[in-house]
Amino acid sequence: MITVIALLFLLFVVLGAYATVKVIGAAKRGVDRTISQARRTVEDTTLRARTFAQPGPTGELAELRLKLRTSMRATQDALHAGVADDESLKESLGLFERLSAHGHELDDELKRLESEPDRATLAARLPALRERTERVTRSADSLRWAARDRARRFADDDLDSLSAQIDVEAGALRHWTEEPGPAAAGWPEAPAADEAASGGQTWPESPQSRRAEESTRSAIDPPVRGPAYPWQKKPRPESTT
């Protein structure tokens, strides 16, 4: 019993320690994610302010960095969101990771050049930096729009198929058939030769024919007189005048 209790206590301690480590790790990742998002927001706001507040090469560098970061972040979010539903985007995500390495290298170079005191040298290097930024952002935009077009195409195909199925179901719901009414009474078959010789063709008896036959029989048959009694007077003969 003591051994079992000791093992259970040790198991509870290990599970508690594991759960504590997982909770701490998740909290740390959440804090790091929040800090990273706040840092990116501050950097983007600073770059946007430099674009308007510092004209010349410094402002243009800030504009290039802001354009690069915005394009790369939008493409990353679009690919990570689409790969959960479309496995074929994994290859595109791998290409973006390679492109992201060039993007980080370019962003670091632009950031270093912001503190460059030689404005003439900086102005001379701006065309090449602008071209590199344009190439990276063009590739990122191409991947992002291709992923979005693919997702939209799949959604359109699914919508077309769903619309066709709904049209078929709606047509089936609108298609009703009237219940068949009572069948019309058919004419009796022609009598056989022996029946024709015996009494002719017989028709099926109906309530109307029965009532007509009774009324005809009552009109033709003479009235039946009741019994005569001695106290009754003899009927007078009708006068001929």
C-alpha atoms as a PDB file:
ATOM      1  CA  MET A   1       0.000   0.000   0.000  1.00  0.00           C
ATOM      2  CA  ILE A   2       2.793   2.403   0.871  1.00  0.00           C
ATOM      3  CA  THR A   3       4.474   1.693  -2.486  1.00  0.00           C
ATOM      4  CA  VAL A   4       1.218   2.282  -4.405  1.00  0.00           C
ATOM      5  CA  ILE A   5       0.554   5.536  -2.540  1.00  0.00           C
ATOM      6  CA  ALA A   6       4.126   6.687  -3.210  1.00  0.00           C
ATOM      7  CA  LEU A   7       3.790   5.892  -6.915  1.00  0.00           C
ATOM      8  CA  LEU A   8       0.484   7.757  -7.158  1.00  0.00           C
ATOM      9  CA  PHE A   9       1.955  10.746  -5.359  1.00  0.00           C
ATOM     10  CA  LEU A  10       4.955  10.737  -7.696  1.00  0.00           C
ATOM     11  CA  LEU A  11       2.628  10.485 -10.707  1.00  0.00           C
ATOM     12  CA  PHE A  12       0.577  13.456  -9.522  1.00  0.00           C
ATOM     13  CA  VAL A  13       3.743  15.490  -8.966  1.00  0.00           C
ATOM     14  CA  VAL A  14       5.036  14.692 -12.470  1.00  0.00           C
ATOM     15  CA  LEU A  15       1.686  15.540 -14.081  1.00  0.00           C
ATOM     16  CA  GLY A  16       1.463  18.762 -12.120  1.00  0.00           C
ATOM     17  CA  ALA A  17       4.985  19.766 -13.128  1.00  0.00           C
ATOM     18  CA  TYR A  18       4.262  18.959 -16.801  1.00  0.00           C
ATOM     19  CA  ALA A  19       1.030  20.971 -16.766  1.00  0.00           C
ATOM     20  CA  THR A  20       2.820  23.881 -15.086  1.00  0.00           C
ATOM     21  CA  VAL A  21       5.577  23.870 -17.712  1.00  0.00           C
ATOM     22  CA  LYS A  22       3.022  23.785 -20.540  1.00  0.00           C
ATOM     23  CA  VAL A  23       1.032  26.655 -19.057  1.00  0.00           C
ATOM     24  CA  ILE A  24       4.167  28.721 -18.506  1.00  0.00           C
ATOM     25  CA  GLY A  25       5.351  27.999 -22.048  1.00  0.00           C
ATOM     26  CA  ALA A  26       2.008  28.982 -23.559  1.00  0.00           C
ATOM     27  CA  ALA A  27       1.931  32.161 -21.486  1.00  0.00           C
ATOM     28  CA  LYS A  28       5.494  33.001 -22.529  1.00  0.00           C
ATOM     29  CA  ARG A  29       4.672  32.467 -26.199  1.00  0.00           C
ATOM     30  CA  GLY A  30       1.608  34.657 -25.845  1.00  0.00           C
ATOM     31  CA  VAL A  31       3.646  37.406 -24.204  1.00  0.00           C
ATOM     32  CA  ASP A  32       6.357  37.144 -26.870  1.00  0.00           C
ATOM     33  CA  ARG A  33       3.740  37.312 -29.593  1.00  0.00           C
ATOM     34  CA  THR A  34       2.160  40.369 -28.033  1.00  0.00           C
ATOM     35  CA  ILE A  35       5.555  42.050 -27.625  1.00  0.00           C
ATOM     36  CA  SER A  36       6.480  41.287 -31.230  1.00  0.00           C
ATOM     37  CA  GLN A  37       3.195  42.679 -32.519  1.00  0.00           C
ATOM     38  CA  ALA A  38       3.604  45.812 -30.410  1.00  0.00           C
ATOM     39  CA  ARG A  39       7.188  46.249 -31.631  1.00  0.00           C
ATOM     40  CA  ARG A  40       6.118  45.887 -35.261  1.00  0.00           C
ATOM     41  CA  THR A  41       3.325  48.379 -34.758  1.00  0.00           C
ATOM     42  CA  VAL A  42       5.730  50.894 -33.209  1.00  0.00           C
ATOM     43  CA  GLU A  43       8.270  50.400 -35.996  1.00  0.00           C
ATOM     44  CA  ASP A  44       5.639  50.786 -38.710  1.00  0.00           C
ATOM     45  CA  THR A  45       4.305  53.933 -37.084  1.00  0.00           C
ATOM     46  CA  THR A  46       7.846  55.345 -36.813  1.00  0.00           C
ATOM     47  CA  LEU A  47       8.592  54.567 -40.471  1.00  0.00           C
ATOM     48  CA  ARG A  48       5.330  56.156 -41.558  1.00  0.00           C
ATOM     49  CA  ALA A  49       6.177  59.279 -39.552  1.00  0.00           C
ATOM     50  CA  ARG A  50       9.679  59.456 -41.072  1.00  0.00           C
ATOM     51  CA  THR A  51       8.211  59.200 -44.551  1.00  0.00           C
ATOM     52  CA  PHE A  52       6.336  62.474 -44.017  1.00  0.00           C
ATOM     53  CA  ALA A  53       8.695  64.208 -41.552  1.00  0.00           C
ATOM     54  CA  GLN A  54      12.093  63.570 -43.190  1.00  0.00           C
ATOM     55  CA  PRO A  55      12.173  64.297 -46.897  1.00  0.00           C
ATOM     56  CA  GLY A  56      15.114  63.214 -49.009  1.00  0.00           C
ATOM     57  CA  PRO A  57      17.075  59.941 -48.864  1.00  0.00           C
ATOM     58  CA  THR A  58      16.150  59.206 -45.236  1.00  0.00           C
ATOM     59  CA  GLY A  59      12.460  59.540 -45.903  1.00  0.00           C
ATOM     60  CA  GLU A  60      12.744  57.408 -49.013  1.00  0.00           C
ATOM     61  CA  LEU A  61      14.549  54.693 -47.074  1.00  0.00           C
ATOM     62  CA  ALA A  62      11.730  54.699 -44.538  1.00  0.00           C
ATOM     63  CA  GLU A  63       9.204  54.450 -47.355  1.00  0.00           C
ATOM     64  CA  LEU A  64      11.026  51.472 -48.893  1.00  0.00           C
ATOM     65  CA  ARG A  65      11.173  49.673 -45.545  1.00  0.00           C
ATOM     66  CA  LEU A  66       7.492  50.294 -44.886  1.00  0.00           C
ATOM     67  CA  LYS A  67       6.547  49.000 -48.334  1.00  0.00           C
ATOM     68  CA  LEU A  68       8.726  45.909 -47.945  1.00  0.00           C
ATOM     69  CA  ARG A  69       7.460  45.035 -44.474  1.00  0.00           C
ATOM     70  CA  THR A  70       3.814  45.544 -45.398  1.00  0.00           C
ATOM     71  CA  SER A  71       4.024  43.340 -48.491  1.00  0.00           C
ATOM     72  CA  MET A  72       5.965  40.540 -46.802  1.00  0.00           C
ATOM     73  CA  ARG A  73       3.684  40.460 -43.756  1.00  0.00           C
ATOM     74  CA  ALA A  74       0.516  40.376 -45.867  1.00  0.00           C
ATOM     75  CA  THR A  75       1.881  37.518 -47.997  1.00  0.00           C
ATOM     76  CA  GLN A  76       2.957  35.552 -44.937  1.00  0.00           C
ATOM     77  CA  ASP A  77      -0.459  35.867 -43.315  1.00  0.00           C
ATOM     78  CA  ALA A  78      -2.261  34.880 -46.541  1.00  0.00           C
ATOM     79  CA  LEU A  79      -0.120  31.770 -47.100  1.00  0.00           C
ATOM     80  CA  HIS A  80      -0.293  30.578 -43.499  1.00  0.00           C
ATOM     81  CA  ALA A  81      -4.074  31.038 -43.505  1.00  0.00           C
ATOM     82  CA  GLY A  82      -4.507  29.190 -46.830  1.00  0.00           C
ATOM     83  CA  VAL A  83      -2.185  26.242 -46.196  1.00  0.00           C
ATOM     84  CA  ALA A  84      -4.556  24.930 -43.503  1.00  0.00           C
ATOM     85  CA  ASP A  85      -7.233  24.326 -46.179  1.00  0.00           C
ATOM     86  CA  ASP A  86      -5.059  23.739 -49.249  1.00  0.00           C
ATOM     87  CA  GLU A  87      -2.076  21.404 -48.919  1.00  0.00           C
ATOM     88  CA  SER A  88      -0.708  22.479 -52.297  1.00  0.00           C
ATOM     89  CA  LEU A  89       0.281  25.850 -50.811  1.00  0.00           C
ATOM     90  CA  LYS A  90       3.108  24.215 -48.867  1.00  0.00           C
ATOM     91  CA  GLU A  91       5.392  24.574 -51.884  1.00  0.00           C
ATOM     92  CA  SER A  92       4.429  28.236 -52.184  1.00  0.00           C
ATOM     93  CA  LEU A  93       5.129  28.658 -48.480  1.00  0.00           C
ATOM     94  CA  GLY A  94       8.590  27.166 -48.969  1.00  0.00           C
ATOM     95  CA  LEU A  95       9.289  29.620 -51.801  1.00  0.00           C
ATOM     96  CA  PHE A  96       8.124  32.475 -49.604  1.00  0.00           C
ATOM     97  CA  GLU A  97      10.495  31.422 -46.835  1.00  0.00           C
ATOM     98  CA  ARG A  98      13.378  31.660 -49.309  1.00  0.00           C
ATOM     99  CA  LEU A  99      12.096  35.041 -50.462  1.00  0.00           C
ATOM    100  CA  SER A 100      11.704  36.092 -46.835  1.00  0.00           C
ATOM    101  CA  ALA A 101      15.427  35.551 -46.259  1.00  0.00           C
ATOM    102  CA  HIS A 102      16.159  38.097 -49.014  1.00  0.00           C
ATOM    103  CA  GLY A 103      13.553  40.406 -47.549  1.00  0.00           C
ATOM    104  CA  HIS A 104      15.084  40.325 -44.065  1.00  0.00           C
ATOM    105  CA  GLU A 105      18.521  40.949 -45.531  1.00  0.00           C
ATOM    106  CA  LEU A 106      17.233  43.936 -47.490  1.00  0.00           C
ATOM    107  CA  ASP A 107      15.356  45.314 -44.493  1.00  0.00           C
ATOM    108  CA  ASP A 108      18.471  45.095 -42.317  1.00  0.00           C
ATOM    109  CA  GLU A 109      20.491  46.903 -44.967  1.00  0.00           C
ATOM    110  CA  LEU A 110      17.915  49.662 -45.284  1.00  0.00           C
ATOM    111  CA  LYS A 111      17.823  50.019 -41.508  1.00  0.00           C
ATOM    112  CA  ARG A 112      21.609  50.402 -41.323  1.00  0.00           C
ATOM    113  CA  LEU A 113      21.590  53.011 -44.051  1.00  0.00           C
ATOM    114  CA  GLU A 114      19.151  55.169 -42.075  1.00  0.00           C
ATOM    115  CA  SER A 115      22.054  56.261 -39.859  1.00  0.00           C
ATOM    116  CA  GLU A 116      24.453  56.826 -42.784  1.00  0.00           C
ATOM    117  CA  PRO A 117      25.888  60.354 -42.495  1.00  0.00           C
ATOM    118  CA  ASP A 118      27.079  60.520 -46.118  1.00  0.00           C
ATOM    119  CA  ARG A 119      23.943  61.652 -47.914  1.00  0.00           C
ATOM    120  CA  ALA A 120      25.614  61.744 -51.316  1.00  0.00           C
ATOM    121  CA  THR A 121      26.643  58.082 -51.158  1.00  0.00           C
ATOM    122  CA  LEU A 122      23.190  57.212 -49.843  1.00  0.00           C
ATOM    123  CA  ALA A 123      21.505  59.049 -52.714  1.00  0.00           C
ATOM    124  CA  ALA A 124      23.737  57.186 -55.199  1.00  0.00           C
ATOM    125  CA  ARG A 125      22.734  53.803 -53.774  1.00  0.00           C
ATOM    126  CA  LEU A 126      19.035  54.513 -53.620  1.00  0.00           C
ATOM    127  CA  PRO A 127      18.195  53.396 -57.212  1.00  0.00           C
ATOM    128  CA  ALA A 128      19.674  49.920 -56.635  1.00  0.00           C
ATOM    129  CA  LEU A 129      17.936  49.629 -53.269  1.00  0.00           C
ATOM    130  CA  ARG A 130      14.674  50.726 -54.837  1.00  0.00           C
ATOM    131  CA  GLU A 131      15.016  48.086 -57.566  1.00  0.00           C
ATOM    132  CA  ARG A 132      15.752  45.306 -55.061  1.00  0.00           C
ATOM    133  CA  THR A 133      12.778  46.320 -52.967  1.00  0.00           C
ATOM    134  CA  GLU A 134      10.568  46.346 -56.033  1.00  0.00           C
ATOM    135  CA  ARG A 135      11.675  42.851 -57.041  1.00  0.00           C
ATOM    136  CA  VAL A 136      11.085  41.391 -53.588  1.00  0.00           C
ATOM    137  CA  THR A 137       7.697  43.023 -53.137  1.00  0.00           C
ATOM    138  CA  ARG A 138       6.618  42.072 -56.663  1.00  0.00           C
ATOM    139  CA  SER A 139       7.422  38.422 -55.977  1.00  0.00           C
ATOM    140  CA  ALA A 140       5.642  38.541 -52.614  1.00  0.00           C
ATOM    141  CA  ASP A 141       2.580  40.182 -54.143  1.00  0.00           C
ATOM    142  CA  SER A 142       2.525  37.585 -56.917  1.00  0.00           C
ATOM    143  CA  LEU A 143       2.484  34.721 -54.405  1.00  0.00           C
ATOM    144  CA  ARG A 144      -0.182  36.395 -52.296  1.00  0.00           C
ATOM    145  CA  TRP A 145      -2.550  37.150 -55.162  1.00  0.00           C
ATOM    146  CA  ALA A 146      -2.042  33.689 -56.671  1.00  0.00           C
ATOM    147  CA  ALA A 147      -3.037  32.091 -53.342  1.00  0.00           C
ATOM    148  CA  ARG A 148      -6.077  34.357 -53.074  1.00  0.00           C
ATOM    149  CA  ASP A 149      -7.131  33.661 -56.671  1.00  0.00           C
ATOM    150  CA  ARG A 150      -6.791  29.935 -56.050  1.00  0.00           C
ATOM    151  CA  ALA A 151      -8.942  30.127 -52.912  1.00  0.00           C
ATOM    152  CA  ARG A 152     -11.529  32.248 -54.728  1.00  0.00           C
ATOM    153  CA  ARG A 153     -11.583  29.796 -57.640  1.00  0.00           C
ATOM    154  CA  PHE A 154     -12.246  26.887 -55.314  1.00  0.00           C
ATOM    155  CA  ALA A 155     -14.995  28.882 -53.619  1.00  0.00           C
ATOM    156  CA  ASP A 156     -16.581  29.702 -57.005  1.00  0.00           C
ATOM    157  CA  ASP A 157     -16.472  26.045 -58.097  1.00  0.00           C
ATOM    158  CA  ASP A 158     -18.049  24.940 -54.838  1.00  0.00           C
ATOM    159  CA  LEU A 159     -20.702  27.641 -55.171  1.00  0.00           C
ATOM    160  CA  ASP A 160     -21.502  26.556 -58.748  1.00  0.00           C
ATOM    161  CA  SER A 161     -21.868  22.931 -57.665  1.00  0.00           C
ATOM    162  CA  LEU A 162     -24.015  23.920 -54.706  1.00  0.00           C
ATOM    163  CA  SER A 163     -26.225  26.124 -56.889  1.00  0.00           C
ATOM    164  CA  ALA A 164     -26.740  23.278 -59.355  1.00  0.00           C
ATOM    165  CA  GLN A 165     -27.720  20.887 -56.574  1.00  0.00           C
ATOM    166  CA  ILE A 166     -30.117  23.457 -55.116  1.00  0.00           C
ATOM    167  CA  ASP A 167     -31.730  23.982 -58.535  1.00  0.00           C
ATOM    168  CA  VAL A 168     -32.255  20.236 -58.912  1.00  0.00           C
ATOM    169  CA  GLU A 169     -33.727  19.968 -55.425  1.00  0.00           C
ATOM    170  CA  ALA A 170     -35.989  22.984 -55.989  1.00  0.00           C
ATOM    171  CA  GLY A 171     -37.259  21.462 -59.224  1.00  0.00           C
ATOM    172  CA  ALA A 172     -37.966  18.183 -57.442  1.00  0.00           C
ATOM    173  CA  LEU A 173     -39.855  20.003 -54.704  1.00  0.00           C
ATOM    174  CA  ARG A 174     -41.990  21.867 -57.253  1.00  0.00           C
ATOM    175  CA  HIS A 175     -42.812  18.685 -59.213  1.00  0.00           C
ATOM    176  CA  TRP A 176     -46.003  17.120 -57.869  1.00  0.00           C
ATOM    177  CA  THR A 177     -48.352  14.578 -59.489  1.00  0.00           C
ATOM    178  CA  GLU A 178     -52.125  14.656 -59.088  1.00  0.00           C
ATOM    179  CA  GLU A 179     -53.638  11.651 -57.391  1.00  0.00           C
ATOM    180  CA  PRO A 180     -55.598   9.501 -59.845  1.00  0.00           C
ATOM    181  CA  GLY A 181     -59.405  10.005 -59.577  1.00  0.00           C
ATOM    182  CA  PRO A 182     -62.001   7.217 -59.510  1.00  0.00           C
ATOM    183  CA  ALA A 183     -61.890   5.092 -62.599  1.00  0.00           C
ATOM    184  CA  ALA A 184     -64.848   5.507 -64.964  1.00  0.00           C
ATOM    185  CA  ALA A 185     -67.293   2.632 -64.991  1.00  0.00           C
ATOM    186  CA  GLY A 186     -66.755   0.461 -68.039  1.00  0.00           C
ATOM    187  CA  TRP A 187     -69.442  -0.911 -70.309  1.00  0.00           C
ATOM    188  CA  PRO A 188     -70.439  -4.508 -69.659  1.00  0.00           C
ATOM    189  CA  GLU A 189     -69.005  -7.039 -71.960  1.00  0.00           C
ATOM    190  CA  ALA A 190     -71.090  -8.434 -74.776  1.00  0.00           C
ATOM    191  CA  PRO A 191     -73.141 -11.515 -73.755  1.00  0.00           C
ATOM    192  CA  ALA A 192     -72.108 -14.881 -74.915  1.00  0.00           C
ATOM    193  CA  ALA A 193     -74.098 -16.808 -77.493  1.00  0.00           C
ATOM    194  CA  ASP A 194     -76.062 -18.875 -74.930  1.00  0.00           C
ATOM    195  CA  GLU A 195     -76.958 -15.803 -72.884  1.00  0.00           C
ATOM    196  CA  ALA A 196     -78.209 -13.953 -75.994  1.00  0.00           C
ATOM    197  CA  ALA A 197     -80.426 -16.885 -76.871  1.00  0.00           C
ATOM    198  CA  SER A 198     -81.882 -17.209 -73.396  1.00  0.00           C
ATOM    199  CA  GLY A 199     -82.807 -13.660 -72.476  1.00  0.00           C
ATOM    200  CA  GLY A 200     -80.618 -11.089 -74.099  1.00  0.00           C
ATOM    201  CA  GLN A 201     -77.989  -8.943 -72.544  1.00  0.00           C
ATOM    202  CA  THR A 202     -78.357  -8.077 -68.831  1.00  0.00           C
ATOM    203  CA  TRP A 203     -77.214  -4.716 -67.482  1.00  0.00           C
ATOM    204  CA  PRO A 204     -75.873  -4.206 -64.010  1.00  0.00           C
ATOM    205  CA  GLU A 205     -78.614  -3.116 -61.594  1.00  0.00           C
ATOM    206  CA  SER A 206     -78.328   0.404 -60.177  1.00  0.00           C
ATOM    207  CA  PRO A 207     -80.443   2.331 -57.596  1.00  0.00           C
ATOM    208  CA  GLN A 208     -81.924   4.561 -60.321  1.00  0.00           C
ATOM    209  CA  SER A 209     -83.050   1.623 -62.443  1.00  0.00           C
ATOM    210  CA  ARG A 210     -84.567  -0.079 -59.396  1.00  0.00           C
ATOM    211  CA  ARG A 211     -86.639   3.008 -58.463  1.00  0.00           C
ATOM    212  CA  ALA A 212     -87.827   3.471 -62.074  1.00  0.00           C
ATOM    213  CA  GLU A 213     -88.902  -0.163 -62.244  1.00  0.00           C
ATOM    214  CA  GLU A 214     -90.886   0.070 -58.994  1.00  0.00           C
ATOM    215  CA  SER A 215     -92.706   3.275 -60.102  1.00  0.00           C
ATOM    216  CA  THR A 216     -93.603   1.665 -63.449  1.00  0.00           C
ATOM    217  CA  ARG A 217     -94.935  -1.478 -61.764  1.00  0.00           C
ATOM    218  CA  SER A 218     -97.125   0.539 -59.322  1.00  0.00           C
ATOM    219  CA  ALA A 219     -98.645   2.563 -62.194  1.00  0.00           C
ATOM    220  CA  ILE A 220     -99.489  -0.504 -64.286  1.00  0.00           C
ATOM    221  CA  ASP A 221    -100.792  -2.940 -61.665  1.00  0.00           C
ATOM    222  CA  PRO A 222    -104.528  -2.417 -60.719  1.00  0.00           C
ATOM    223  CA  PRO A 223    -105.327  -1.439 -57.164  1.00  0.00           C
ATOM    224  CA  VAL A 224    -106.085  -4.341 -54.836  1.00  0.00           C
ATOM    225  CA  ARG A 225    -109.519  -4.169 -53.147  1.00  0.00           C
ATOM    226  CA  GLY A 226    -109.808  -5.016 -49.487  1.00  0.00           C
ATOM    227  CA  PRO A 227    -112.351  -7.536 -48.026  1.00  0.00           C
ATOM    228  CA  ALA A 228    -116.104  -6.540 -48.106  1.00  0.00           C
ATOM    229  CA  TYR A 229    -118.079  -6.292 -44.865  1.00  0.00           C
ATOM    230  CA  PRO A 230    -121.937  -6.474 -44.467  1.00  0.00           C
ATOM    231  CA  TRP A 231    -122.363  -3.012 -43.017  1.00  0.00           C
ATOM    232  CA  GLN A 232    -120.622  -1.393 -45.983  1.00  0.00           C
ATOM    233  CA  LYS A 233    -122.888   0.104 -48.672  1.00  0.00           C
ATOM    234  CA  LYS A 234    -122.730  -1.200 -52.141  1.00  0.00           C
ATOM    235  CA  PRO A 235    -120.960   1.072 -54.533  1.00  0.00           C
ATOM    236  CA  ARG A 236    -123.212   2.952 -56.840  1.00  0.00           C
ATOM    237  CA  PRO A 237    -122.644   2.625 -60.514  1.00  0.00           C
ATOM    238  CA  GLU A 238    -121.315   5.749 -62.081  1.00  0.00           C
ATOM    239  CA  SER A 239    -123.927   7.769 -63.962  1.00  0.00           C
ATOM    240  CA  THR A 240    -123.538   7.998 -67.635  1.00  0.00           C
ATOM    241  CA  THR A 241    -125.097  11.435 -67.811  1.00  0.00           C
END
